Amino acid sequence: MDDQGSSVTLIFYRIQPKWWREPALNVISAAAQMSNLTHCEIAIGEEAGQSGTMKHVARIFNDAVGVELVERTGRNPQNIYLQLGCSKHAEHRMLSFVKNHCVGKPFSNLAMFLSLLWPRQTDCQSFFCAELVAAILKEGGLMDAHSNPGSATPEMLHRIYASRAAVAANPCVLRDVQAAALHFNATLGAQAYPGMSERAAAHEHHLTQRAVLANTTAVQPVTTPLPQQPAQFAIGRRRAASPTRGHFREVGRNQYNGAGACTARIPPSQPGVQLTLNSLDFTTAARMRRT
């Protein structure tokens, strides 16, 4: 059989802030666990019942009914939900276990009180709420095969599976939100945005025509002359051309006289003062040579 996958939903009841209005058993359970979680149930599978309810919910209370398999919405504001993924085969095993071995079994007060101090080995002859949920999870392979459901408590189950949950929400609410979204997309979407489909069809038709024209004839692009932009700067008088650059005069290597002075190459016929490097020497020997 092709396994498409399924899920189970753990339902925890959280004691309300006005705890004195709670049943005495809930108050005792909360005090013993040091937790505000006092009750748990399990919804097996994703099949919806009437009005989108959770169809196969296994639970037990301290009454004459014992374990029962019911439909419920679970829309109590004090409820907490943890949805765990599983295979379709595991769902069938858990549902068959509840129907064949759990339904109608009585509630055990003694087993519940001893679960924290001296837990019993589960024999499927009686249950309390956390023991029932743990036994179903063990049957479906979602709990270790060597674990003892008789030692389970609502707080322990929540602590184990809180980090493994795929979704933490009421399945009934999720189905309502999904149905509302589908209804909006199918009916209200086109009415809320009139003309959207017509514009999309016209755009598609325009693209098709352009593709046909591109394949048959070469369409010359239409060029529209750009409007002449106003001049940003006024044109003034033209400046005179720059003067012609003079050529560099070729200067040869420096020549050295017999005294080691460096002189420029100046024609001897040109009169004037001749500057040498010795002229900058102000030592005594230099003055004596000049005199």
Foldseek 3Di string as FASTA:
>chain_A
DDKPWWKKKKKWFFQDPPNVVDDPQQVVQCVVVVGRTRFMKMQFTLDADPLRWRAFIWFADQDQQFTDTGTDQSPDPRMKMFMAIAIPVLSVQLVVCCVPQGGRAHADPVLSVCLQPPFDADPSNHYHRQLSVVVSCCRSVNDDVPDGSSNGGPVVVCVVCVVRGPDIDRSSVVVVVVVVVVVCVVPVVCVVDPPPVVVVVVVVVVVVVVVVCVVPDDDDDDDDDDDDDDDPDDDDDDDDDDDDDDDDDDFDDWDADPVRWTFGDDDPVDDDDTDIPLVPDPDPVSVVVVD
